[in-house]
C-alpha atoms as a PDB file:
ATOM      1  CA  MET A   1      53.280  63.979 -11.972  1.00  0.00           C
ATOM      2  CA  LYS A   2      53.622  60.978  -9.717  1.00  0.00           C
ATOM      3  CA  ILE A   3      53.088  60.052  -6.089  1.00  0.00           C
ATOM      4  CA  ASP A   4      56.415  60.282  -4.280  1.00  0.00           C
ATOM      5  CA  HIS A   5      55.455  58.671  -0.973  1.00  0.00           C
ATOM      6  CA  ILE A   6      52.687  57.728   1.422  1.00  0.00           C
ATOM      7  CA  ALA A   7      53.132  58.502   5.135  1.00  0.00           C
ATOM      8  CA  ILE A   8      51.843  56.360   7.997  1.00  0.00           C
ATOM      9  CA  TRP A   9      51.816  57.366  11.669  1.00  0.00           C
ATOM     10  CA  THR A  10      52.479  54.444  13.993  1.00  0.00           C
ATOM     11  CA  TYR A  11      53.285  53.556  17.590  1.00  0.00           C
ATOM     12  CA  ASN A  12      55.160  50.498  16.252  1.00  0.00           C
ATOM     13  CA  LEU A  13      57.877  51.994  14.046  1.00  0.00           C
ATOM     14  CA  GLU A  14      60.304  49.067  14.095  1.00  0.00           C
ATOM     15  CA  GLY A  15      57.525  46.470  13.804  1.00  0.00           C
ATOM     16  CA  LEU A  16      55.995  48.112  10.721  1.00  0.00           C
ATOM     17  CA  ARG A  17      59.424  48.623   9.184  1.00  0.00           C
ATOM     18  CA  ASN A  18      60.243  44.939   9.648  1.00  0.00           C
ATOM     19  CA  PHE A  19      56.810  43.890   8.276  1.00  0.00           C
ATOM     20  CA  TYR A  20      57.225  45.746   4.961  1.00  0.00           C
ATOM     21  CA  MET A  21      60.860  44.718   4.618  1.00  0.00           C
ATOM     22  CA  HIS A  22      60.109  41.045   5.294  1.00  0.00           C
ATOM     23  CA  TYR A  23      56.884  40.509   3.311  1.00  0.00           C
ATOM     24  CA  PHE A  24      57.214  43.116   0.532  1.00  0.00           C
ATOM     25  CA  ASP A  25      60.996  43.244  -0.004  1.00  0.00           C
ATOM     26  CA  ALA A  26      61.244  46.927   0.912  1.00  0.00           C
ATOM     27  CA  SER A  27      64.611  48.391   1.779  1.00  0.00           C
ATOM     28  CA  SER A  28      64.905  51.077   4.423  1.00  0.00           C
ATOM     29  CA  SER A  29      66.655  54.382   4.702  1.00  0.00           C
ATOM     30  CA  GLY A  30      68.617  55.114   7.831  1.00  0.00           C
ATOM     31  CA  GLY A  31      66.428  56.282  10.661  1.00  0.00           C
ATOM     32  CA  TYR A  32      65.777  59.953  11.304  1.00  0.00           C
ATOM     33  CA  TYR A  33      65.306  61.296  14.831  1.00  0.00           C
ATOM     34  CA  ASN A  34      64.302  64.810  15.902  1.00  0.00           C
ATOM     35  CA  HIS A  35      64.969  64.970  19.650  1.00  0.00           C
ATOM     36  CA  SER A  36      63.005  68.164  20.320  1.00  0.00           C
ATOM     37  CA  LYS A  37      59.805  66.752  18.776  1.00  0.00           C
ATOM     38  CA  GLU A  38      60.459  63.108  19.750  1.00  0.00           C
ATOM     39  CA  PHE A  39      59.864  62.302  16.079  1.00  0.00           C
ATOM     40  CA  ARG A  40      61.343  59.201  14.449  1.00  0.00           C
ATOM     41  CA  SER A  41      60.938  58.016  10.874  1.00  0.00           C
ATOM     42  CA  TYR A  42      62.129  55.728   8.106  1.00  0.00           C
ATOM     43  CA  PHE A  43      61.558  55.787   4.363  1.00  0.00           C
ATOM     44  CA  LEU A  44      60.832  52.383   2.857  1.00  0.00           C
ATOM     45  CA  ILE A  45      61.867  51.964  -0.745  1.00  0.00           C
ATOM     46  CA  PHE A  46      60.263  49.499  -3.157  1.00  0.00           C
ATOM     47  CA  ASP A  47      61.226  48.533  -6.710  1.00  0.00           C
ATOM     48  CA  SER A  48      59.224  51.482  -8.049  1.00  0.00           C
ATOM     49  CA  ASP A  49      59.642  55.171  -7.352  1.00  0.00           C
ATOM     50  CA  CYS A  50      56.918  55.288  -4.687  1.00  0.00           C
ATOM     51  CA  ARG A  51      57.994  55.071  -1.050  1.00  0.00           C
ATOM     52  CA  ILE A  52      56.325  54.721   2.336  1.00  0.00           C
ATOM     53  CA  GLU A  53      57.372  57.010   5.170  1.00  0.00           C
ATOM     54  CA  LEU A  54      56.804  55.423   8.564  1.00  0.00           C
ATOM     55  CA  MET A  55      56.610  58.012  11.343  1.00  0.00           C
ATOM     56  CA  GLU A  56      56.368  57.801  15.124  1.00  0.00           C
ATOM     57  CA  ARG A  57      55.749  60.524  17.701  1.00  0.00           C
ATOM     58  CA  PRO A  58      54.263  59.833  21.126  1.00  0.00           C
ATOM     59  CA  ASN A  59      51.556  62.536  21.097  1.00  0.00           C
ATOM     60  CA  ILE A  60      49.796  61.540  17.845  1.00  0.00           C
ATOM     61  CA  PRO A  61      46.218  60.404  18.654  1.00  0.00           C
ATOM     62  CA  LYS A  62      45.040  56.951  17.593  1.00  0.00           C
ATOM     63  CA  SER A  63      42.708  56.665  14.594  1.00  0.00           C
ATOM     64  CA  LYS A  64      39.028  56.205  15.369  1.00  0.00           C
ATOM     65  CA  ASN A  65      38.396  54.452  12.033  1.00  0.00           C
ATOM     66  CA  ASP A  66      37.624  50.749  12.032  1.00  0.00           C
ATOM     67  CA  PRO A  67      39.974  49.186   9.445  1.00  0.00           C
ATOM     68  CA  LYS A  68      37.517  46.342   8.816  1.00  0.00           C
ATOM     69  CA  LYS A  69      34.853  48.805   7.603  1.00  0.00           C
ATOM     70  CA  GLU A  70      34.823  51.332   4.780  1.00  0.00           C
ATOM     71  CA  PHE A  71      35.065  55.041   5.609  1.00  0.00           C
ATOM     72  CA  THR A  72      35.799  58.333   3.861  1.00  0.00           C
ATOM     73  CA  GLY A  73      39.395  59.287   3.238  1.00  0.00           C
ATOM     74  CA  ILE A  74      42.257  57.037   2.250  1.00  0.00           C
ATOM     75  CA  ILE A  75      41.122  53.447   2.784  1.00  0.00           C
ATOM     76  CA  HIS A  76      43.988  51.388   1.339  1.00  0.00           C
ATOM     77  CA  PHE A  77      47.039  51.308  -0.819  1.00  0.00           C
ATOM     78  CA  ALA A  78      48.093  48.535  -3.162  1.00  0.00           C
ATOM     79  CA  ILE A  79      51.438  46.834  -3.530  1.00  0.00           C
ATOM     80  CA  LYS A  80      51.994  45.147  -6.872  1.00  0.00           C
ATOM     81  CA  VAL A  81      53.741  41.777  -6.911  1.00  0.00           C
ATOM     82  CA  ARG A  82      55.055  39.745  -9.856  1.00  0.00           C
ATOM     83  CA  SER A  83      52.252  37.232 -10.391  1.00  0.00           C
ATOM     84  CA  LYS A  84      48.973  35.678  -9.277  1.00  0.00           C
ATOM     85  CA  ASP A  85      51.015  32.905  -7.660  1.00  0.00           C
ATOM     86  CA  LYS A  86      52.878  35.533  -5.598  1.00  0.00           C
ATOM     87  CA  VAL A  87      49.534  37.039  -4.489  1.00  0.00           C
ATOM     88  CA  ASN A  88      48.355  33.565  -3.431  1.00  0.00           C
ATOM     89  CA  ASN A  89      51.602  32.549  -1.723  1.00  0.00           C
ATOM     90  CA  LEU A  90      52.089  35.843   0.108  1.00  0.00           C
ATOM     91  CA  THR A  91      48.468  35.841   1.280  1.00  0.00           C
ATOM     92  CA  GLU A  92      48.919  32.317   2.683  1.00  0.00           C
ATOM     93  CA  GLU A  93      52.220  33.243   4.325  1.00  0.00           C
ATOM     94  CA  LEU A  94      50.613  36.252   6.000  1.00  0.00           C
ATOM     95  CA  ARG A  95      47.651  34.122   7.137  1.00  0.00           C
ATOM     96  CA  ALA A  96      50.002  31.486   8.602  1.00  0.00           C
ATOM     97  CA  ASP A  97      51.893  34.228  10.435  1.00  0.00           C
ATOM     98  CA  GLY A  98      48.663  35.441  12.055  1.00  0.00           C
ATOM     99  CA  PHE A  99      47.799  38.493   9.959  1.00  0.00           C
ATOM    100  CA  LYS A 100      44.150  39.284   9.169  1.00  0.00           C
ATOM    101  CA  ILE A 101      43.006  38.532   5.617  1.00  0.00           C
ATOM    102  CA  LEU A 102      40.033  40.743   4.698  1.00  0.00           C
ATOM    103  CA  GLY A 103      39.714  39.638   1.082  1.00  0.00           C
ATOM    104  CA  GLU A 104      40.724  36.304  -0.373  1.00  0.00           C
ATOM    105  CA  PRO A 105      42.664  36.251  -3.669  1.00  0.00           C
ATOM    106  CA  ARG A 106      40.313  36.885  -6.597  1.00  0.00           C
ATOM    107  CA  THR A 107      39.940  38.670  -9.897  1.00  0.00           C
ATOM    108  CA  THR A 108      38.054  41.934  -9.395  1.00  0.00           C
ATOM    109  CA  GLY A 109      35.560  43.521 -11.758  1.00  0.00           C
ATOM    110  CA  ASP A 110      38.195  45.988 -12.929  1.00  0.00           C
ATOM    111  CA  GLY A 111      40.625  43.193 -13.815  1.00  0.00           C
ATOM    112  CA  TYR A 112      42.999  43.117 -10.866  1.00  0.00           C
ATOM    113  CA  TYR A 113      43.959  39.858  -9.223  1.00  0.00           C
ATOM    114  CA  GLU A 114      44.214  40.796  -5.558  1.00  0.00           C
ATOM    115  CA  SER A 115      43.860  39.943  -1.904  1.00  0.00           C
ATOM    116  CA  VAL A 116      43.317  42.384   0.959  1.00  0.00           C
ATOM    117  CA  ILE A 117      45.213  42.140   4.235  1.00  0.00           C
ATOM    118  CA  LEU A 118      45.769  44.258   7.340  1.00  0.00           C
ATOM    119  CA  ASP A 119      49.297  45.245   8.317  1.00  0.00           C
ATOM    120  CA  PRO A 120      50.289  45.116  12.024  1.00  0.00           C
ATOM    121  CA  ASP A 121      48.659  48.534  12.632  1.00  0.00           C
ATOM    122  CA  GLY A 122      45.425  47.631  10.837  1.00  0.00           C
ATOM    123  CA  ASN A 123      46.135  49.512   7.587  1.00  0.00           C
ATOM    124  CA  ARG A 124      44.436  47.917   4.562  1.00  0.00           C
ATOM    125  CA  ILE A 125      46.864  46.661   1.936  1.00  0.00           C
ATOM    126  CA  GLU A 126      45.802  45.257  -1.421  1.00  0.00           C
ATOM    127  CA  ILE A 127      48.293  42.768  -2.814  1.00  0.00           C
ATOM    128  CA  VAL A 128      47.807  42.939  -6.594  1.00  0.00           C
ATOM    129  CA  ALA A 129      49.191  41.237  -9.683  1.00  0.00           C
END
C-alpha cells in the first residue's frame, strides 16, 4: 500500500498552487470545477507517486488550529529534496520571500536533515534531505 494523495482545503487555490509549483517543482493537473457545489481543485504532481489535491469551496469553515503550535491530528507533511544544500538554499529562499520558518535546518534525532516552514495558508511543511 502507499499514500496516493493528501488533500488541503484553501481559500487561496491559485496562490497555493503557484507556491508548490514554484518552490517544490510540482506540476499541476488541469483545474476541475463543479458549478453546483462551487468546488474547484487541482492535483499537484511531484517526482514521486504521492500528490497533493488543493481544493476550494466557499462554505468550508476555517481551521481553529494554530499552525505554530502542536495539536492532535495531521500536523505536517514532508517534501524530500535532493540534498542538505537544497534544504538550506530553499529555506533561505523562502525566508527572503517572506515565508515563516518554524525550524531552522538541522539534523534531527531520527537522522533527517530538515527545516520546517509554513506555506501561504499556514500548513507545516518539513523540507527534508
